[in-house]
Amino acid sequence: MNLTRQEWIQKLEADLGIDEEDIIEVCEIFFDELPTELSNMRNVYANNDIKILSRLAHGLKGSAANIGFLTVSELAKQIEIMAKQNKVADLDKYLKDIEEATEELKIFVGI
């Protein structure tokens, strides 16, 4: 992340119209729900349901972008693009990259 934690908080306060406490709560929800989302992506891919994989990646892309987690958003975007092109390769690598980025973000956020 190119912003300091305080700059990130100020940006989200301005963009979302919520205070720091609410931002942290939104982040906690994001972090809590992410393992289920990634598991769902793995499952639909295993079942060869690429259309649903694309939708799940799209949702994650937007959720992450809304709270300034641009690395996660970009990785989800890459999964979405691959799924739309029906050329999903190395899905597990992308999901592991998301998990690693998320761990770094938890430290950044202070959770």
C-alpha atoms as a PDB file:
ATOM      1  CA  MET A   1       0.000   0.000   0.000  1.00  0.00           C
ATOM      2  CA  ASN A   2       1.400   3.379  -0.976  1.00  0.00           C
ATOM      3  CA  LEU A   3      -0.389   5.278   1.779  1.00  0.00           C
ATOM      4  CA  THR A   4       0.375   5.442   5.455  1.00  0.00           C
ATOM      5  CA  ARG A   5      -2.252   3.906   7.693  1.00  0.00           C
ATOM      6  CA  GLN A   6      -3.498   7.358   8.693  1.00  0.00           C
ATOM      7  CA  GLU A   7      -3.722   8.501   5.050  1.00  0.00           C
ATOM      8  CA  TRP A   8      -5.611   5.317   4.193  1.00  0.00           C
ATOM      9  CA  ILE A   9      -8.057   5.904   7.061  1.00  0.00           C
ATOM     10  CA  GLN A  10      -8.582   9.536   6.019  1.00  0.00           C
ATOM     11  CA  LYS A  11      -9.178   8.529   2.402  1.00  0.00           C
ATOM     12  CA  LEU A  12     -11.757   5.914   3.377  1.00  0.00           C
ATOM     13  CA  GLU A  13     -13.444   8.312   5.792  1.00  0.00           C
ATOM     14  CA  ALA A  14     -13.824  10.770   2.920  1.00  0.00           C
ATOM     15  CA  ASP A  15     -14.764   8.158   0.292  1.00  0.00           C
ATOM     16  CA  LEU A  16     -17.147   6.096   2.400  1.00  0.00           C
ATOM     17  CA  GLY A  17     -18.391   8.667   4.872  1.00  0.00           C
ATOM     18  CA  ILE A  18     -17.676   6.463   7.885  1.00  0.00           C
ATOM     19  CA  ASP A  19     -15.336   6.874  10.831  1.00  0.00           C
ATOM     20  CA  GLU A  20     -12.219   4.890  11.704  1.00  0.00           C
ATOM     21  CA  GLU A  21     -14.059   2.509  14.022  1.00  0.00           C
ATOM     22  CA  ASP A  22     -16.489   1.580  11.251  1.00  0.00           C
ATOM     23  CA  ILE A  23     -13.646   1.198   8.744  1.00  0.00           C
ATOM     24  CA  ILE A  24     -11.926  -1.275  11.059  1.00  0.00           C
ATOM     25  CA  GLU A  25     -15.205  -3.149  11.504  1.00  0.00           C
ATOM     26  CA  VAL A  26     -15.662  -3.376   7.723  1.00  0.00           C
ATOM     27  CA  CYS A  27     -12.099  -4.678   7.417  1.00  0.00           C
ATOM     28  CA  GLU A  28     -12.726  -7.278  10.120  1.00  0.00           C
ATOM     29  CA  ILE A  29     -15.788  -8.497   8.232  1.00  0.00           C
ATOM     30  CA  PHE A  30     -13.771  -8.622   5.002  1.00  0.00           C
ATOM     31  CA  PHE A  31     -11.013 -10.640   6.687  1.00  0.00           C
ATOM     32  CA  ASP A  32     -13.534 -12.957   8.377  1.00  0.00           C
ATOM     33  CA  GLU A  33     -15.407 -13.693   5.147  1.00  0.00           C
ATOM     34  CA  LEU A  34     -12.395 -14.018   2.856  1.00  0.00           C
ATOM     35  CA  PRO A  35     -11.534 -17.664   3.676  1.00  0.00           C
ATOM     36  CA  THR A  36     -15.084 -18.705   2.748  1.00  0.00           C
ATOM     37  CA  GLU A  37     -14.922 -16.704  -0.478  1.00  0.00           C
ATOM     38  CA  LEU A  38     -11.612 -18.283  -1.472  1.00  0.00           C
ATOM     39  CA  SER A  39     -12.918 -21.743  -0.581  1.00  0.00           C
ATOM     40  CA  ASN A  40     -15.979 -21.108  -2.740  1.00  0.00           C
ATOM     41  CA  MET A  41     -13.697 -20.111  -5.618  1.00  0.00           C
ATOM     42  CA  ARG A  42     -11.710 -23.318  -5.241  1.00  0.00           C
ATOM     43  CA  ASN A  43     -14.904 -25.387  -5.141  1.00  0.00           C
ATOM     44  CA  VAL A  44     -16.539 -23.872  -8.197  1.00  0.00           C
ATOM     45  CA  TYR A  45     -13.287 -24.195 -10.115  1.00  0.00           C
ATOM     46  CA  ALA A  46     -13.026 -27.854  -9.104  1.00  0.00           C
ATOM     47  CA  ASN A  47     -16.580 -28.283 -10.413  1.00  0.00           C
ATOM     48  CA  ASN A  48     -15.574 -26.493 -13.627  1.00  0.00           C
ATOM     49  CA  ASP A  49     -18.124 -23.737 -13.091  1.00  0.00           C
ATOM     50  CA  ILE A  50     -16.047 -20.955 -14.586  1.00  0.00           C
ATOM     51  CA  LYS A  51     -18.980 -18.542 -14.895  1.00  0.00           C
ATOM     52  CA  ILE A  52     -19.560 -18.571 -11.136  1.00  0.00           C
ATOM     53  CA  LEU A  53     -15.806 -18.286 -10.559  1.00  0.00           C
ATOM     54  CA  SER A  54     -15.859 -15.109 -12.625  1.00  0.00           C
ATOM     55  CA  ARG A  55     -18.739 -13.705 -10.558  1.00  0.00           C
ATOM     56  CA  LEU A  56     -17.053 -14.559  -7.265  1.00  0.00           C
ATOM     57  CA  ALA A  57     -13.805 -12.949  -8.421  1.00  0.00           C
ATOM     58  CA  HIS A  58     -15.729  -9.877  -9.560  1.00  0.00           C
ATOM     59  CA  GLY A  59     -17.346  -9.541  -6.143  1.00  0.00           C
ATOM     60  CA  LEU A  60     -14.031  -9.902  -4.343  1.00  0.00           C
ATOM     61  CA  LYS A  61     -12.447  -7.374  -6.686  1.00  0.00           C
ATOM     62  CA  GLY A  62     -15.078  -4.789  -5.784  1.00  0.00           C
ATOM     63  CA  SER A  63     -15.113  -5.520  -2.060  1.00  0.00           C
ATOM     64  CA  ALA A  64     -11.347  -5.201  -1.821  1.00  0.00           C
ATOM     65  CA  ALA A  65     -11.249  -2.040  -3.932  1.00  0.00           C
ATOM     66  CA  ASN A  66     -13.939  -0.369  -1.814  1.00  0.00           C
ATOM     67  CA  ILE A  67     -11.706  -0.545   1.244  1.00  0.00           C
ATOM     68  CA  GLY A  68      -8.491   0.285  -0.563  1.00  0.00           C
ATOM     69  CA  PHE A  69      -7.038  -3.215  -0.708  1.00  0.00           C
ATOM     70  CA  LEU A  70      -5.838  -2.729  -4.256  1.00  0.00           C
ATOM     71  CA  THR A  71      -3.414  -5.659  -4.361  1.00  0.00           C
ATOM     72  CA  VAL A  72      -6.206  -8.072  -3.491  1.00  0.00           C
ATOM     73  CA  SER A  73      -8.521  -6.302  -5.924  1.00  0.00           C
ATOM     74  CA  GLU A  74      -5.983  -6.609  -8.751  1.00  0.00           C
ATOM     75  CA  LEU A  75      -5.410 -10.323  -8.081  1.00  0.00           C
ATOM     76  CA  ALA A  76      -9.168 -10.920  -8.083  1.00  0.00           C
ATOM     77  CA  LYS A  77      -9.403  -8.955 -11.331  1.00  0.00           C
ATOM     78  CA  GLN A  78      -6.830 -11.272 -12.914  1.00  0.00           C
ATOM     79  CA  ILE A  79      -8.876 -14.307 -11.848  1.00  0.00           C
ATOM     80  CA  GLU A  80     -12.024 -12.694 -13.260  1.00  0.00           C
ATOM     81  CA  ILE A  81     -10.322 -11.984 -16.591  1.00  0.00           C
ATOM     82  CA  MET A  82      -8.951 -15.524 -16.843  1.00  0.00           C
ATOM     83  CA  ALA A  83     -12.370 -16.961 -16.033  1.00  0.00           C
ATOM     84  CA  LYS A  84     -14.110 -14.776 -18.626  1.00  0.00           C
ATOM     85  CA  GLN A  85     -11.587 -15.985 -21.204  1.00  0.00           C
ATOM     86  CA  ASN A  86     -12.058 -19.555 -19.956  1.00  0.00           C
ATOM     87  CA  LYS A  87      -8.293 -19.753 -19.482  1.00  0.00           C
ATOM     88  CA  VAL A  88      -7.955 -20.222 -15.758  1.00  0.00           C
ATOM     89  CA  ALA A  89      -4.406 -21.202 -14.960  1.00  0.00           C
ATOM     90  CA  ASP A  90      -2.645 -21.315 -11.617  1.00  0.00           C
ATOM     91  CA  LEU A  91      -5.798 -20.420  -9.697  1.00  0.00           C
ATOM     92  CA  ASP A  92      -4.290 -21.777  -6.508  1.00  0.00           C
ATOM     93  CA  LYS A  93      -1.265 -19.492  -6.933  1.00  0.00           C
ATOM     94  CA  TYR A  94      -3.523 -16.435  -7.273  1.00  0.00           C
ATOM     95  CA  LEU A  95      -5.557 -17.460  -4.235  1.00  0.00           C
ATOM     96  CA  LYS A  96      -2.397 -18.014  -2.191  1.00  0.00           C
ATOM     97  CA  ASP A  97      -1.166 -14.586  -3.310  1.00  0.00           C
ATOM     98  CA  ILE A  98      -4.464 -13.131  -2.082  1.00  0.00           C
ATOM     99  CA  GLU A  99      -4.040 -14.890   1.261  1.00  0.00           C
ATOM    100  CA  GLU A 100      -0.480 -13.573   1.613  1.00  0.00           C
ATOM    101  CA  ALA A 101      -1.511 -10.034   0.675  1.00  0.00           C
ATOM    102  CA  THR A 102      -4.339 -10.248   3.177  1.00  0.00           C
ATOM    103  CA  GLU A 103      -1.971 -11.205   5.984  1.00  0.00           C
ATOM    104  CA  GLU A 104       0.117  -8.128   5.188  1.00  0.00           C
ATOM    105  CA  LEU A 105      -3.025  -5.994   5.150  1.00  0.00           C
ATOM    106  CA  LYS A 106      -4.083  -7.293   8.557  1.00  0.00           C
ATOM    107  CA  ILE A 107      -0.776  -6.036   9.944  1.00  0.00           C
ATOM    108  CA  PHE A 108      -1.218  -2.712   8.139  1.00  0.00           C
ATOM    109  CA  VAL A 109      -4.761  -2.293   9.470  1.00  0.00           C
ATOM    110  CA  GLY A 110      -3.732  -3.440  12.940  1.00  0.00           C
ATOM    111  CA  ILE A 111      -6.039  -6.437  13.193  1.00  0.00           C
END
